[in-house]
């Protein structure tokens, strides 16, 4: 069963992604992307935060995979998080490859 999710990216454009119950996108498996989608990692590699094109994030801490999950929204250079447990946070992209969040610095993972 497909669910429609409406995401607002950068406060400018509305984007609709079709997501199945398994988390994959509809039609051809293509995901809509914003410029910050991907894996973000602290310098020591202990915290890994994946920003998904669906507007969700998945954060691993140390050996604990999916320690935190929730949704995010990007407005300009700021990012706002709503964890599934109710916790909220924010951060700021200081460049295309550097994110400051929760007193930590994350770097875009190079593939």
C-alpha atoms as a PDB file:
ATOM      1  CA  UNK A   1       0.000   0.000   0.000  1.00  0.00           C
ATOM      2  CA  UNK A   2       1.543   3.285  -1.074  1.00  0.00           C
ATOM      3  CA  UNK A   3       1.354   6.376   1.080  1.00  0.00           C
ATOM      4  CA  UNK A   4       1.719   9.891  -0.255  1.00  0.00           C
ATOM      5  CA  UNK A   5       3.914  12.198   1.719  1.00  0.00           C
ATOM      6  CA  UNK A   6       4.116  15.863   0.977  1.00  0.00           C
ATOM      7  CA  UNK A   7       7.449  17.449   1.780  1.00  0.00           C
ATOM      8  CA  UNK A   8       8.399  21.071   1.717  1.00  0.00           C
ATOM      9  CA  UNK A   9      12.061  21.507   0.891  1.00  0.00           C
ATOM     10  CA  UNK A  10      13.842  24.790   1.513  1.00  0.00           C
ATOM     11  CA  UNK A  11      10.484  26.460   2.066  1.00  0.00           C
ATOM     12  CA  UNK A  12      10.172  26.990  -1.682  1.00  0.00           C
ATOM     13  CA  UNK A  13       8.754  24.051  -3.556  1.00  0.00           C
ATOM     14  CA  UNK A  14       6.299  21.302  -2.701  1.00  0.00           C
ATOM     15  CA  UNK A  15       7.425  17.827  -3.604  1.00  0.00           C
ATOM     16  CA  UNK A  16       5.401  14.641  -3.503  1.00  0.00           C
ATOM     17  CA  UNK A  17       7.105  11.305  -2.993  1.00  0.00           C
ATOM     18  CA  UNK A  18       5.284   8.008  -3.048  1.00  0.00           C
ATOM     19  CA  UNK A  19       6.596   5.728  -0.350  1.00  0.00           C
ATOM     20  CA  UNK A  20       5.667   2.083   0.139  1.00  0.00           C
ATOM     21  CA  UNK A  21       5.301   0.423   3.519  1.00  0.00           C
ATOM     22  CA  UNK A  22       8.813  -0.992   3.070  1.00  0.00           C
ATOM     23  CA  UNK A  23      10.245   2.523   2.727  1.00  0.00           C
ATOM     24  CA  UNK A  24      11.109   2.317  -0.969  1.00  0.00           C
ATOM     25  CA  UNK A  25       9.826   4.935  -3.331  1.00  0.00           C
ATOM     26  CA  UNK A  26       7.277   4.262  -6.025  1.00  0.00           C
ATOM     27  CA  UNK A  27       7.639   4.318  -9.818  1.00  0.00           C
ATOM     28  CA  UNK A  28      11.024   3.050 -10.805  1.00  0.00           C
ATOM     29  CA  UNK A  29      12.507   3.400  -7.316  1.00  0.00           C
ATOM     30  CA  UNK A  30      13.508   7.004  -7.994  1.00  0.00           C
ATOM     31  CA  UNK A  31      13.697   9.282  -4.980  1.00  0.00           C
ATOM     32  CA  UNK A  32      13.320  13.021  -5.054  1.00  0.00           C
ATOM     33  CA  UNK A  33      16.463  14.650  -3.715  1.00  0.00           C
ATOM     34  CA  UNK A  34      17.491  17.878  -2.112  1.00  0.00           C
ATOM     35  CA  UNK A  35      21.086  19.036  -2.016  1.00  0.00           C
ATOM     36  CA  UNK A  36      21.700  17.740   1.507  1.00  0.00           C
ATOM     37  CA  UNK A  37      20.392  14.182   1.082  1.00  0.00           C
ATOM     38  CA  UNK A  38      22.995  11.589   2.016  1.00  0.00           C
ATOM     39  CA  UNK A  39      25.172  10.445   4.895  1.00  0.00           C
ATOM     40  CA  UNK A  40      26.625  12.933   7.396  1.00  0.00           C
ATOM     41  CA  UNK A  41      29.324  11.752   9.826  1.00  0.00           C
ATOM     42  CA  UNK A  42      31.151  13.253  12.808  1.00  0.00           C
ATOM     43  CA  UNK A  43      34.929  13.559  12.459  1.00  0.00           C
ATOM     44  CA  UNK A  44      35.513  10.536  14.688  1.00  0.00           C
ATOM     45  CA  UNK A  45      32.917   8.467  12.780  1.00  0.00           C
ATOM     46  CA  UNK A  46      30.944   7.697  15.952  1.00  0.00           C
ATOM     47  CA  UNK A  47      27.716   9.392  14.850  1.00  0.00           C
ATOM     48  CA  UNK A  48      26.295   8.810  11.386  1.00  0.00           C
ATOM     49  CA  UNK A  49      23.160  10.605  10.276  1.00  0.00           C
ATOM     50  CA  UNK A  50      21.524   9.716   6.983  1.00  0.00           C
ATOM     51  CA  UNK A  51      19.171  12.315   5.522  1.00  0.00           C
ATOM     52  CA  UNK A  52      16.765  10.478   3.255  1.00  0.00           C
ATOM     53  CA  UNK A  53      15.001  11.993   0.242  1.00  0.00           C
ATOM     54  CA  UNK A  54      11.677  11.058   1.843  1.00  0.00           C
ATOM     55  CA  UNK A  55      12.146  13.721   4.538  1.00  0.00           C
ATOM     56  CA  UNK A  56      13.156  11.129   7.150  1.00  0.00           C
ATOM     57  CA  UNK A  57      16.492  10.641   8.892  1.00  0.00           C
ATOM     58  CA  UNK A  58      18.176   7.653  10.502  1.00  0.00           C
ATOM     59  CA  UNK A  59      20.971   8.225  13.004  1.00  0.00           C
ATOM     60  CA  UNK A  60      23.460   5.619  14.202  1.00  0.00           C
ATOM     61  CA  UNK A  61      25.629   6.074  17.294  1.00  0.00           C
ATOM     62  CA  UNK A  62      28.699   3.898  17.714  1.00  0.00           C
ATOM     63  CA  UNK A  63      27.592   0.317  17.106  1.00  0.00           C
ATOM     64  CA  UNK A  64      23.931   1.191  17.727  1.00  0.00           C
ATOM     65  CA  UNK A  65      22.270   1.296  14.314  1.00  0.00           C
ATOM     66  CA  UNK A  66      19.080   3.377  14.010  1.00  0.00           C
ATOM     67  CA  UNK A  67      19.565   4.877  17.476  1.00  0.00           C
ATOM     68  CA  UNK A  68      17.323   7.779  16.469  1.00  0.00           C
ATOM     69  CA  UNK A  69      14.857   8.131  13.636  1.00  0.00           C
ATOM     70  CA  UNK A  70      12.399  10.813  12.656  1.00  0.00           C
ATOM     71  CA  UNK A  71      11.576  13.460  10.115  1.00  0.00           C
ATOM     72  CA  UNK A  72      13.432  16.584   9.115  1.00  0.00           C
ATOM     73  CA  UNK A  73      12.733  19.778   7.231  1.00  0.00           C
ATOM     74  CA  UNK A  74      15.224  22.133   5.633  1.00  0.00           C
ATOM     75  CA  UNK A  75      14.553  25.855   5.475  1.00  0.00           C
ATOM     76  CA  UNK A  76      17.322  27.698   3.698  1.00  0.00           C
ATOM     77  CA  UNK A  77      20.515  26.599   5.460  1.00  0.00           C
ATOM     78  CA  UNK A  78      18.747  25.462   8.650  1.00  0.00           C
ATOM     79  CA  UNK A  79      17.562  21.936   9.422  1.00  0.00           C
ATOM     80  CA  UNK A  80      14.830  21.061  11.907  1.00  0.00           C
ATOM     81  CA  UNK A  81      14.400  17.560  13.352  1.00  0.00           C
ATOM     82  CA  UNK A  82      11.380  15.847  14.907  1.00  0.00           C
ATOM     83  CA  UNK A  83      12.445  12.523  16.427  1.00  0.00           C
ATOM     84  CA  UNK A  84       9.844   9.749  16.522  1.00  0.00           C
ATOM     85  CA  UNK A  85      10.046   9.839  20.349  1.00  0.00           C
ATOM     86  CA  UNK A  86       9.005  13.521  20.408  1.00  0.00           C
ATOM     87  CA  UNK A  87      12.462  15.090  20.802  1.00  0.00           C
ATOM     88  CA  UNK A  88      13.129  18.147  18.621  1.00  0.00           C
ATOM     89  CA  UNK A  89      16.426  19.670  17.497  1.00  0.00           C
ATOM     90  CA  UNK A  90      17.888  21.921  14.865  1.00  0.00           C
ATOM     91  CA  UNK A  91      21.120  22.580  13.050  1.00  0.00           C
ATOM     92  CA  UNK A  92      22.738  24.670  10.363  1.00  0.00           C
ATOM     93  CA  UNK A  93      24.556  23.822   7.160  1.00  0.00           C
ATOM     94  CA  UNK A  94      27.624  26.077   7.136  1.00  0.00           C
ATOM     95  CA  UNK A  95      28.681  24.779   3.732  1.00  0.00           C
ATOM     96  CA  UNK A  96      27.609  22.110   1.246  1.00  0.00           C
ATOM     97  CA  UNK A  97      29.765  19.627   3.178  1.00  0.00           C
ATOM     98  CA  UNK A  98      29.520  20.726   6.833  1.00  0.00           C
ATOM     99  CA  UNK A  99      26.575  20.556   9.248  1.00  0.00           C
ATOM    100  CA  UNK A 100      26.564  21.906  12.807  1.00  0.00           C
ATOM    101  CA  UNK A 101      23.998  20.134  14.989  1.00  0.00           C
ATOM    102  CA  UNK A 102      23.709  19.476  18.733  1.00  0.00           C
ATOM    103  CA  UNK A 103      27.157  20.881  19.510  1.00  0.00           C
ATOM    104  CA  UNK A 104      28.719  18.529  16.962  1.00  0.00           C
ATOM    105  CA  UNK A 105      30.148  19.000  13.484  1.00  0.00           C
ATOM    106  CA  UNK A 106      29.075  16.570  10.775  1.00  0.00           C
ATOM    107  CA  UNK A 107      30.777  16.177   7.416  1.00  0.00           C
ATOM    108  CA  UNK A 108      29.204  14.882   4.244  1.00  0.00           C
ATOM    109  CA  UNK A 109      30.425  11.375   3.603  1.00  0.00           C
ATOM    110  CA  UNK A 110      32.309  11.089   0.339  1.00  0.00           C
ATOM    111  CA  UNK A 111      31.363   8.036  -1.690  1.00  0.00           C
END
